[in-house]
Amino acid sequence: MSSSDLTTELIGAFRWNDPGQDFPHLVSDLSGWWRSPTVLRALGPALAALFPEEAPTVVVSPEVTGFIVGPLVAMALEVGFVEAYKGGHSPVAEPMTWAQAAPDHKGRRLSLGVRTRQLRPGDRALIVDDWITTGAQSRALGEVVTACGAVPIGTAAIVGECSAEVAAELRVRSLIRAEQL
């Protein structure tokens, strides 16, 4: 699928929802992306292609939607996947490496962490997420990756909404811009 065809599919399968007067903004609905086999088939290769010469050895993605997108990219790159949990607590009883994110677009200060043994010194980690607005989660994951002795090579996102300064700092590349939605 061409990148312009994927862009058309992403825009067509996306919805903004109005949750009512108690909410100050519209809420994004990505569920159409996950329902479309065409989008699912194309996302991994398209996101992987955003970093063609970086040779990542692992993909790292935050829960929840990162657990959908990250494995698609890892499969396209033929590398492993490491899940990053939110909340500062481990869902498993083993050593974790954590970093606290700056406030995100909702004003939340999340902690993000990975199983320490899953990132190895010298790994080249591609951070993957569905949407990047402030860069807070990507920055925190970069800190986690670095603390484990690996190298963050950039962030691949489906939707980029961050400033040009944040995009340059975190090496963010996206398939579409929020304004297109």
N, C-alpha and C. Protein backbone atom coordinates (compact mmCIF):
# COMPACT_ATOMS: atom_id res chain seq x y z
N MET A 1 0.84 -1.17 0.00
CA MET A 1 0.00 0.00 0.00
C MET A 1 0.89 1.24 0.00
N SER A 2 0.58 2.20 -0.82
CA SER A 2 1.36 3.43 -0.88
C SER A 2 1.10 4.27 0.36
N SER A 3 2.02 5.19 0.66
CA SER A 3 1.84 6.04 1.84
C SER A 3 0.62 6.94 1.70
N SER A 4 0.31 7.39 0.49
CA SER A 4 -0.89 8.23 0.30
C SER A 4 -2.16 7.41 0.49
N ASP A 5 -2.14 6.14 0.07
CA ASP A 5 -3.30 5.27 0.31
C ASP A 5 -3.49 5.02 1.80
N LEU A 6 -2.38 4.79 2.52
CA LEU A 6 -2.48 4.58 3.96
C LEU A 6 -3.00 5.84 4.65
N THR A 7 -2.52 7.00 4.24
CA THR A 7 -3.00 8.26 4.81
C THR A 7 -4.51 8.37 4.62
N THR A 8 -4.99 8.07 3.44
CA THR A 8 -6.43 8.12 3.15
C THR A 8 -7.19 7.15 4.05
N GLU A 9 -6.66 5.94 4.22
CA GLU A 9 -7.30 4.94 5.08
C GLU A 9 -7.32 5.39 6.54
N LEU A 10 -6.20 5.95 7.02
CA LEU A 10 -6.14 6.41 8.40
C LEU A 10 -7.14 7.53 8.66
N ILE A 11 -7.21 8.48 7.76
CA ILE A 11 -8.14 9.60 7.91
C ILE A 11 -9.58 9.09 7.85
N GLY A 12 -9.86 8.19 6.93
CA GLY A 12 -11.22 7.69 6.77
C GLY A 12 -11.71 6.84 7.93
N ALA A 13 -10.80 6.16 8.61
CA ALA A 13 -11.19 5.27 9.70
C ALA A 13 -11.16 5.96 11.07
N PHE A 14 -10.76 7.22 11.11
CA PHE A 14 -10.63 7.97 12.35
C PHE A 14 -11.90 8.76 12.63
N ARG A 15 -12.21 8.95 13.91
CA ARG A 15 -13.36 9.78 14.31
C ARG A 15 -12.99 10.63 15.52
N TRP A 16 -13.56 11.83 15.56
CA TRP A 16 -13.54 12.65 16.77
C TRP A 16 -14.89 12.47 17.44
N ASN A 17 -14.90 12.24 18.74
CA ASN A 17 -16.15 12.09 19.48
C ASN A 17 -16.29 13.23 20.48
N ASP A 18 -17.52 13.70 20.63
CA ASP A 18 -17.84 14.74 21.61
C ASP A 18 -18.43 14.04 22.83
N PRO A 19 -17.67 13.97 23.93
CA PRO A 19 -18.17 13.27 25.12
C PRO A 19 -19.18 14.07 25.92
N GLY A 20 -19.50 15.27 25.50
CA GLY A 20 -20.51 16.06 26.19
C GLY A 20 -19.95 17.29 26.86
N GLN A 21 -20.84 18.03 27.46
CA GLN A 21 -20.49 19.35 28.01
C GLN A 21 -19.53 19.30 29.18
N ASP A 22 -19.38 18.16 29.84
CA ASP A 22 -18.45 18.06 30.97
C ASP A 22 -17.00 17.92 30.54
N PHE A 23 -16.75 17.79 29.24
CA PHE A 23 -15.40 17.63 28.73
C PHE A 23 -15.03 18.84 27.88
N PRO A 24 -13.82 19.38 28.09
CA PRO A 24 -13.44 20.60 27.38
C PRO A 24 -12.99 20.39 25.94
N HIS A 25 -12.86 19.13 25.50
CA HIS A 25 -12.35 18.90 24.16
C HIS A 25 -12.92 17.61 23.58
N LEU A 26 -12.76 17.47 22.29
CA LEU A 26 -13.16 16.23 21.63
C LEU A 26 -12.20 15.11 21.99
N VAL A 27 -12.66 13.87 21.85
CA VAL A 27 -11.85 12.70 22.16
C VAL A 27 -11.60 11.92 20.88
N SER A 28 -10.36 11.53 20.68
CA SER A 28 -10.02 10.78 19.47
C SER A 28 -10.50 9.34 19.58
N ASP A 29 -10.98 8.81 18.47
CA ASP A 29 -11.42 7.42 18.40
C ASP A 29 -10.59 6.73 17.33
N LEU A 30 -9.63 5.91 17.78
CA LEU A 30 -8.74 5.20 16.87
C LEU A 30 -9.26 3.81 16.53
N SER A 31 -10.39 3.42 17.08
CA SER A 31 -10.87 2.04 16.94
C SER A 31 -11.06 1.61 15.49
N GLY A 32 -11.34 2.54 14.61
CA GLY A 32 -11.47 2.20 13.19
C GLY A 32 -10.17 1.71 12.59
N TRP A 33 -9.06 2.18 13.14
CA TRP A 33 -7.75 1.72 12.65
C TRP A 33 -7.56 0.25 12.99
N TRP A 34 -7.92 -0.13 14.22
CA TRP A 34 -7.69 -1.50 14.67
C TRP A 34 -8.68 -2.47 14.02
N ARG A 35 -9.81 -1.95 13.57
CA ARG A 35 -10.82 -2.78 12.92
C ARG A 35 -10.49 -3.07 11.47
N SER A 36 -9.68 -2.24 10.87
CA SER A 36 -9.37 -2.36 9.45
C SER A 36 -8.17 -3.27 9.20
N PRO A 37 -8.36 -4.41 8.55
CA PRO A 37 -7.21 -5.25 8.24
C PRO A 37 -6.23 -4.57 7.28
N THR A 38 -6.74 -3.69 6.45
CA THR A 38 -5.88 -2.96 5.52
C THR A 38 -4.92 -2.05 6.28
N VAL A 39 -5.45 -1.33 7.26
CA VAL A 39 -4.61 -0.44 8.07
C VAL A 39 -3.64 -1.26 8.90
N LEU A 40 -4.12 -2.31 9.56
CA LEU A 40 -3.24 -3.13 10.39
C LEU A 40 -2.09 -3.72 9.58
N ARG A 41 -2.38 -4.18 8.39
CA ARG A 41 -1.35 -4.78 7.53
C ARG A 41 -0.30 -3.76 7.11
N ALA A 42 -0.71 -2.51 6.91
CA ALA A 42 0.19 -1.48 6.40
C ALA A 42 0.94 -0.71 7.48
N LEU A 43 0.40 -0.64 8.70
CA LEU A 43 1.01 0.20 9.73
C LEU A 43 2.44 -0.18 10.08
N GLY A 44 2.69 -1.44 10.34
CA GLY A 44 4.03 -1.86 10.74
C GLY A 44 5.09 -1.48 9.73
N PRO A 45 4.93 -1.89 8.47
CA PRO A 45 5.92 -1.51 7.46
C PRO A 45 6.04 0.01 7.26
N ALA A 46 4.91 0.72 7.33
CA ALA A 46 4.96 2.17 7.10
C ALA A 46 5.72 2.88 8.23
N LEU A 47 5.45 2.49 9.47
CA LEU A 47 6.17 3.10 10.59
C LEU A 47 7.64 2.71 10.59
N ALA A 48 7.93 1.47 10.26
CA ALA A 48 9.33 1.02 10.18
C ALA A 48 10.08 1.81 9.11
N ALA A 49 9.40 2.13 8.03
CA ALA A 49 10.04 2.84 6.92
C ALA A 49 10.39 4.30 7.26
N LEU A 50 9.87 4.81 8.39
CA LEU A 50 10.20 6.18 8.78
C LEU A 50 11.65 6.31 9.24
N PHE A 51 12.29 5.17 9.58
CA PHE A 51 13.68 5.16 10.03
C PHE A 51 14.46 4.13 9.20
N PRO A 52 14.59 4.39 7.90
CA PRO A 52 15.13 3.37 6.99
C PRO A 52 16.59 2.99 7.22
N GLU A 53 17.40 3.88 7.75
CA GLU A 53 18.83 3.59 7.87
C GLU A 53 19.30 3.48 9.30
N GLU A 54 18.40 3.39 10.25
CA GLU A 54 18.78 3.40 11.66
C GLU A 54 19.06 2.03 12.25
N ALA A 55 18.65 0.97 11.61
CA ALA A 55 18.90 -0.41 12.05
C ALA A 55 18.53 -0.68 13.51
N PRO A 56 17.26 -0.44 13.88
CA PRO A 56 16.88 -0.75 15.25
C PRO A 56 17.00 -2.24 15.54
N THR A 57 17.30 -2.56 16.79
CA THR A 57 17.37 -3.96 17.22
C THR A 57 16.19 -4.32 18.10
N VAL A 58 15.39 -3.32 18.50
CA VAL A 58 14.24 -3.55 19.36
C VAL A 58 13.27 -2.38 19.21
N VAL A 59 11.99 -2.68 19.42
CA VAL A 59 10.94 -1.66 19.43
C VAL A 59 10.41 -1.57 20.86
N VAL A 60 10.24 -0.34 21.36
CA VAL A 60 9.70 -0.10 22.70
C VAL A 60 8.46 0.76 22.55
N SER A 61 7.35 0.33 23.17
CA SER A 61 6.10 1.08 23.07
C SER A 61 5.35 1.09 24.40
N PRO A 62 4.70 2.23 24.70
CA PRO A 62 3.93 2.32 25.94
C PRO A 62 2.54 1.70 25.81
N GLU A 63 2.05 1.20 26.95
CA GLU A 63 0.69 0.72 26.94
C GLU A 63 -0.25 1.90 26.74
N VAL A 64 -1.35 1.78 26.24
CA VAL A 64 -2.14 0.65 25.82
C VAL A 64 -2.04 0.45 24.31
N THR A 65 -2.26 1.49 23.54
CA THR A 65 -2.27 1.30 22.09
C THR A 65 -0.89 0.99 21.53
N GLY A 66 0.16 1.34 22.27
CA GLY A 66 1.50 0.96 21.85
C GLY A 66 1.69 -0.55 21.82
N PHE A 67 0.87 -1.25 22.61
CA PHE A 67 0.93 -2.71 22.62
C PHE A 67 0.30 -3.31 21.36
N ILE A 68 -0.43 -2.50 20.62
CA ILE A 68 -0.95 -2.92 19.31
C ILE A 68 0.07 -2.56 18.23
N VAL A 69 0.47 -1.29 18.22
CA VAL A 69 1.31 -0.76 17.15
C VAL A 69 2.75 -1.27 17.22
N GLY A 70 3.31 -1.32 18.42
CA GLY A 70 4.71 -1.73 18.57
C GLY A 70 5.02 -3.09 17.97
N PRO A 71 4.23 -4.14 18.28
CA PRO A 71 4.52 -5.44 17.68
C PRO A 71 4.39 -5.45 16.16
N LEU A 72 3.51 -4.63 15.60
CA LEU A 72 3.39 -4.57 14.14
C LEU A 72 4.69 -4.04 13.53
N VAL A 73 5.27 -3.03 14.17
CA VAL A 73 6.53 -2.46 13.68
C VAL A 73 7.67 -3.45 13.90
N ALA A 74 7.70 -4.08 15.07
CA ALA A 74 8.75 -5.06 15.36
C ALA A 74 8.73 -6.19 14.33
N MET A 75 7.54 -6.67 13.97
CA MET A 75 7.45 -7.74 12.97
C MET A 75 7.97 -7.25 11.62
N ALA A 76 7.63 -6.02 11.25
CA ALA A 76 8.10 -5.49 9.97
C ALA A 76 9.62 -5.36 9.95
N LEU A 77 10.20 -5.02 11.10
CA LEU A 77 11.65 -4.86 11.19
C LEU A 77 12.38 -6.17 11.49
N GLU A 78 11.61 -7.19 11.83
CA GLU A 78 12.16 -8.49 12.23
C GLU A 78 13.07 -8.35 13.45
N VAL A 79 12.56 -7.59 14.44
CA VAL A 79 13.26 -7.42 15.71
C VAL A 79 12.27 -7.71 16.84
N GLY A 80 12.76 -7.68 18.06
CA GLY A 80 11.91 -7.92 19.21
C GLY A 80 11.13 -6.69 19.64
N PHE A 81 10.21 -6.92 20.57
CA PHE A 81 9.34 -5.88 21.11
C PHE A 81 9.45 -5.88 22.63
N VAL A 82 9.55 -4.68 23.23
CA VAL A 82 9.56 -4.53 24.68
C VAL A 82 8.41 -3.60 25.06
N GLU A 83 7.54 -4.10 25.93
CA GLU A 83 6.41 -3.29 26.36
C GLU A 83 6.81 -2.39 27.51
N ALA A 84 6.30 -1.16 27.49
CA ALA A 84 6.56 -0.19 28.55
C ALA A 84 5.24 0.02 29.30
N TYR A 85 5.29 -0.21 30.61
CA TYR A 85 4.10 -0.08 31.43
C TYR A 85 3.99 1.31 32.02
N LYS A 86 2.76 1.72 32.31
CA LYS A 86 2.50 3.01 32.93
C LYS A 86 2.12 2.80 34.38
N GLY A 87 2.45 3.78 35.19
CA GLY A 87 1.93 3.77 36.54
C GLY A 87 2.92 3.62 37.67
N GLY A 88 4.13 3.22 37.42
CA GLY A 88 5.11 3.11 38.48
C GLY A 88 5.06 1.83 39.27
N HIS A 89 4.27 0.88 38.80
CA HIS A 89 4.23 -0.42 39.46
C HIS A 89 4.39 -1.51 38.40
N SER A 90 4.99 -2.58 38.80
CA SER A 90 5.26 -3.66 37.86
C SER A 90 4.11 -4.66 37.86
N PRO A 91 3.68 -5.07 36.67
CA PRO A 91 2.66 -6.13 36.62
C PRO A 91 3.27 -7.51 36.89
N VAL A 92 4.57 -7.54 36.99
CA VAL A 92 5.28 -8.79 37.24
C VAL A 92 6.32 -8.55 38.33
N ALA A 93 6.73 -9.62 38.99
CA ALA A 93 7.69 -9.49 40.09
C ALA A 93 9.11 -9.69 39.56
N GLU A 94 9.62 -8.68 38.89
CA GLU A 94 11.01 -8.72 38.42
C GLU A 94 11.51 -7.29 38.31
N PRO A 95 12.82 -7.10 38.23
CA PRO A 95 13.36 -5.73 38.18
C PRO A 95 12.85 -4.95 36.97
N MET A 96 12.46 -3.72 37.26
CA MET A 96 11.98 -2.79 36.23
C MET A 96 12.83 -1.53 36.28
N THR A 97 12.95 -0.87 35.13
CA THR A 97 13.60 0.44 35.05
C THR A 97 12.51 1.45 34.71
N TRP A 98 12.40 2.50 35.54
CA TRP A 98 11.32 3.48 35.43
C TRP A 98 11.86 4.88 35.18
N ALA A 99 11.03 5.71 34.57
CA ALA A 99 11.29 7.15 34.46
C ALA A 99 9.95 7.86 34.57
N GLN A 100 9.96 9.02 35.17
CA GLN A 100 8.73 9.80 35.27
C GLN A 100 8.67 10.78 34.11
N ALA A 101 7.52 10.81 33.46
CA ALA A 101 7.32 11.72 32.33
C ALA A 101 6.89 13.09 32.83
N ALA A 102 7.22 14.10 32.06
CA ALA A 102 6.71 15.44 32.31
C ALA A 102 5.20 15.40 32.07
N PRO A 103 4.47 16.41 32.51
CA PRO A 103 3.02 16.39 32.28
C PRO A 103 2.69 16.22 30.79
N ASP A 104 1.74 15.33 30.52
CA ASP A 104 1.32 15.10 29.14
C ASP A 104 0.21 16.07 28.74
N HIS A 105 -0.40 15.85 27.59
CA HIS A 105 -1.42 16.76 27.08
C HIS A 105 -2.66 16.83 27.97
N LYS A 106 -2.83 15.86 28.88
CA LYS A 106 -3.94 15.87 29.83
C LYS A 106 -3.50 16.36 31.20
N GLY A 107 -2.23 16.76 31.33
CA GLY A 107 -1.70 17.23 32.59
C GLY A 107 -1.27 16.12 33.54
N ARG A 108 -1.28 14.88 33.09
CA ARG A 108 -0.89 13.74 33.93
C ARG A 108 0.63 13.60 33.94
N ARG A 109 1.17 13.18 35.08
CA ARG A 109 2.59 12.85 35.20
C ARG A 109 2.68 11.35 35.37
N LEU A 110 2.92 10.67 34.28
CA LEU A 110 2.99 9.22 34.29
C LEU A 110 4.40 8.73 34.52
N SER A 111 4.51 7.58 35.14
CA SER A 111 5.78 6.86 35.18
C SER A 111 5.70 5.77 34.13
N LEU A 112 6.80 5.56 33.42
CA LEU A 112 6.86 4.51 32.42
C LEU A 112 8.05 3.61 32.72
N GLY A 113 7.84 2.31 32.57
CA GLY A 113 8.92 1.39 32.89
C GLY A 113 8.90 0.13 32.04
N VAL A 114 10.07 -0.47 31.92
CA VAL A 114 10.23 -1.72 31.17
C VAL A 114 10.92 -2.75 32.06
N ARG A 115 10.74 -4.00 31.71
CA ARG A 115 11.50 -5.05 32.37
C ARG A 115 12.97 -4.83 32.02
N THR A 116 13.78 -4.59 33.01
CA THR A 116 15.18 -4.22 32.81
C THR A 116 15.92 -5.23 31.94
N ARG A 117 15.66 -6.51 32.12
CA ARG A 117 16.40 -7.55 31.39
C ARG A 117 16.08 -7.56 29.89
N GLN A 118 15.01 -6.88 29.48
CA GLN A 118 14.60 -6.93 28.07
C GLN A 118 15.35 -5.93 27.19
N LEU A 119 15.94 -4.91 27.78
CA LEU A 119 16.77 -3.96 27.02
C LEU A 119 18.22 -4.23 27.36
N ARG A 120 19.02 -4.43 26.34
CA ARG A 120 20.42 -4.82 26.54
C ARG A 120 21.36 -3.69 26.14
N PRO A 121 22.50 -3.59 26.80
CA PRO A 121 23.48 -2.60 26.37
C PRO A 121 23.79 -2.76 24.88
N GLY A 122 23.78 -1.65 24.19
CA GLY A 122 24.05 -1.67 22.75
C GLY A 122 22.81 -1.80 21.89
N ASP A 123 21.66 -2.17 22.49
CA ASP A 123 20.42 -2.21 21.69
C ASP A 123 20.16 -0.83 21.10
N ARG A 124 19.60 -0.83 19.91
CA ARG A 124 19.18 0.40 19.24
C ARG A 124 17.65 0.38 19.25
N ALA A 125 17.07 1.19 20.13
CA ALA A 125 15.63 1.13 20.41
C ALA A 125 14.85 2.18 19.62
N LEU A 126 13.88 1.71 18.86
CA LEU A 126 12.93 2.59 18.18
C LEU A 126 11.69 2.67 19.06
N ILE A 127 11.35 3.87 19.50
CA ILE A 127 10.15 4.08 20.30
C ILE A 127 9.00 4.26 19.32
N VAL A 128 7.90 3.57 19.58
CA VAL A 128 6.74 3.61 18.69
C VAL A 128 5.49 3.90 19.50
N ASP A 129 4.66 4.81 19.00
CA ASP A 129 3.40 5.13 19.67
C ASP A 129 2.37 5.52 18.63
N ASP A 130 1.13 5.60 19.06
CA ASP A 130 0.07 5.96 18.12
C ASP A 130 0.01 7.47 17.87
N TRP A 131 0.22 8.27 18.93
CA TRP A 131 0.02 9.71 18.83
C TRP A 131 1.04 10.40 19.71
N ILE A 132 1.69 11.43 19.23
CA ILE A 132 2.63 12.18 20.05
C ILE A 132 2.24 13.66 20.04
N THR A 133 1.97 14.18 21.24
CA THR A 133 1.54 15.57 21.38
C THR A 133 2.61 16.42 22.06
N THR A 134 2.96 16.06 23.29
CA THR A 134 3.96 16.84 24.03
C THR A 134 5.34 16.21 23.99
N GLY A 135 5.41 14.94 23.70
CA GLY A 135 6.67 14.21 23.72
C GLY A 135 7.04 13.69 25.09
N ALA A 136 6.17 13.88 26.09
CA ALA A 136 6.50 13.49 27.47
C ALA A 136 6.77 11.99 27.59
N GLN A 137 5.93 11.16 27.00
CA GLN A 137 6.13 9.72 27.12
C GLN A 137 7.35 9.27 26.32
N SER A 138 7.54 9.82 25.16
CA SER A 138 8.70 9.46 24.34
C SER A 138 10.00 9.86 25.05
N ARG A 139 10.01 11.02 25.64
CA ARG A 139 11.20 11.49 26.37
C ARG A 139 11.49 10.56 27.55
N ALA A 140 10.45 10.20 28.32
CA ALA A 140 10.64 9.30 29.46
C ALA A 140 11.13 7.93 29.00
N LEU A 141 10.58 7.43 27.90
CA LEU A 141 11.04 6.14 27.40
C LEU A 141 12.48 6.22 26.92
N GLY A 142 12.87 7.35 26.34
CA GLY A 142 14.27 7.54 25.97
C GLY A 142 15.18 7.47 27.19
N GLU A 143 14.73 8.03 28.32
CA GLU A 143 15.50 7.95 29.56
C GLU A 143 15.61 6.51 30.05
N VAL A 144 14.52 5.75 29.96
CA VAL A 144 14.53 4.35 30.37
C VAL A 144 15.49 3.55 29.49
N VAL A 145 15.38 3.76 28.18
CA VAL A 145 16.24 3.05 27.23
C VAL A 145 17.71 3.33 27.56
N THR A 146 18.04 4.59 27.76
CA THR A 146 19.41 4.99 28.06
C THR A 146 19.88 4.40 29.39
N ALA A 147 19.01 4.42 30.40
CA ALA A 147 19.37 3.87 31.72
C ALA A 147 19.69 2.38 31.64
N CYS A 148 19.12 1.70 30.66
CA CYS A 148 19.39 0.27 30.47
C CYS A 148 20.62 0.02 29.60
N GLY A 149 21.28 1.08 29.15
CA GLY A 149 22.48 0.93 28.34
C GLY A 149 22.21 0.83 26.86
N ALA A 150 20.95 1.02 26.47
CA ALA A 150 20.59 0.97 25.05
C ALA A 150 20.58 2.40 24.50
N VAL A 151 20.37 2.53 23.20
CA VAL A 151 20.41 3.83 22.52
C VAL A 151 19.05 4.10 21.88
N PRO A 152 18.37 5.18 22.30
CA PRO A 152 17.12 5.54 21.62
C PRO A 152 17.44 6.19 20.27
N ILE A 153 16.85 5.66 19.18
CA ILE A 153 17.18 6.21 17.86
C ILE A 153 16.11 7.15 17.32
N GLY A 154 14.96 7.21 17.98
CA GLY A 154 13.89 8.10 17.54
C GLY A 154 12.54 7.54 17.90
N THR A 155 11.51 8.30 17.52
CA THR A 155 10.13 7.91 17.79
C THR A 155 9.34 7.90 16.49
N ALA A 156 8.72 6.78 16.21
CA ALA A 156 7.82 6.65 15.06
C ALA A 156 6.40 6.68 15.60
N ALA A 157 5.59 7.57 15.07
CA ALA A 157 4.20 7.71 15.53
C ALA A 157 3.25 7.70 14.33
N ILE A 158 2.06 7.24 14.57
CA ILE A 158 1.05 7.32 13.52
C ILE A 158 0.69 8.79 13.32
N VAL A 159 0.38 9.49 14.42
CA VAL A 159 -0.02 10.90 14.35
C VAL A 159 0.99 11.75 15.10
N GLY A 160 1.48 12.78 14.45
CA GLY A 160 2.37 13.75 15.07
C GLY A 160 1.63 15.04 15.31
N GLU A 161 1.66 15.49 16.55
CA GLU A 161 1.02 16.76 16.90
C GLU A 161 1.97 17.64 17.71
N CYS A 162 3.18 17.17 17.90
CA CYS A 162 4.15 17.91 18.71
C CYS A 162 4.74 19.07 17.92
N SER A 163 5.37 19.97 18.66
CA SER A 163 6.02 21.12 18.02
C SER A 163 7.24 20.66 17.22
N ALA A 164 7.68 21.51 16.34
CA ALA A 164 8.87 21.22 15.54
C ALA A 164 10.10 21.04 16.44
N GLU A 165 10.16 21.79 17.55
CA GLU A 165 11.29 21.67 18.47
C GLU A 165 11.31 20.31 19.15
N VAL A 166 10.14 19.85 19.60
CA VAL A 166 10.05 18.53 20.24
C VAL A 166 10.36 17.44 19.21
N ALA A 167 9.82 17.59 18.01
CA ALA A 167 10.07 16.60 16.96
C ALA A 167 11.57 16.49 16.66
N ALA A 168 12.25 17.61 16.62
CA ALA A 168 13.70 17.59 16.35
C ALA A 168 14.46 16.97 17.52
N GLU A 169 14.12 17.35 18.74
CA GLU A 169 14.81 16.84 19.92
C GLU A 169 14.67 15.32 20.06
N LEU A 170 13.46 14.82 19.85
CA LEU A 170 13.18 13.39 20.05
C LEU A 170 13.25 12.57 18.76
N ARG A 171 13.61 13.22 17.67
CA ARG A 171 13.65 12.56 16.36
C ARG A 171 12.32 11.89 16.05
N VAL A 172 11.26 12.67 16.14
CA VAL A 172 9.91 12.16 15.88
C VAL A 172 9.62 12.23 14.39
N ARG A 173 9.14 11.12 13.88
CA ARG A 173 8.65 11.06 12.50
C ARG A 173 7.28 10.40 12.56
N SER A 174 6.34 10.96 11.80
CA SER A 174 4.97 10.43 11.85
C SER A 174 4.42 10.22 10.46
N LEU A 175 3.38 9.38 10.41
CA LEU A 175 2.73 9.10 9.13
C LEU A 175 1.80 10.23 8.72
N ILE A 176 1.11 10.83 9.71
CA ILE A 176 0.21 11.93 9.42
C ILE A 176 0.32 12.97 10.53
N ARG A 177 -0.14 14.16 10.25
CA ARG A 177 -0.19 15.24 11.24
C ARG A 177 -1.62 15.34 11.78
N ALA A 178 -1.76 15.76 13.02
CA ALA A 178 -3.06 15.86 13.66
C ALA A 178 -4.01 16.76 12.87
N GLU A 179 -3.46 17.78 12.23
CA GLU A 179 -4.30 18.72 11.46
C GLU A 179 -5.04 18.02 10.31
N GLN A 180 -4.51 16.87 9.88
CA GLN A 180 -5.15 16.13 8.79
C GLN A 180 -6.40 15.40 9.25
N LEU A 181 -6.55 15.28 10.55
CA LEU A 181 -7.71 14.58 11.10
C LEU A 181 -8.78 15.58 11.44
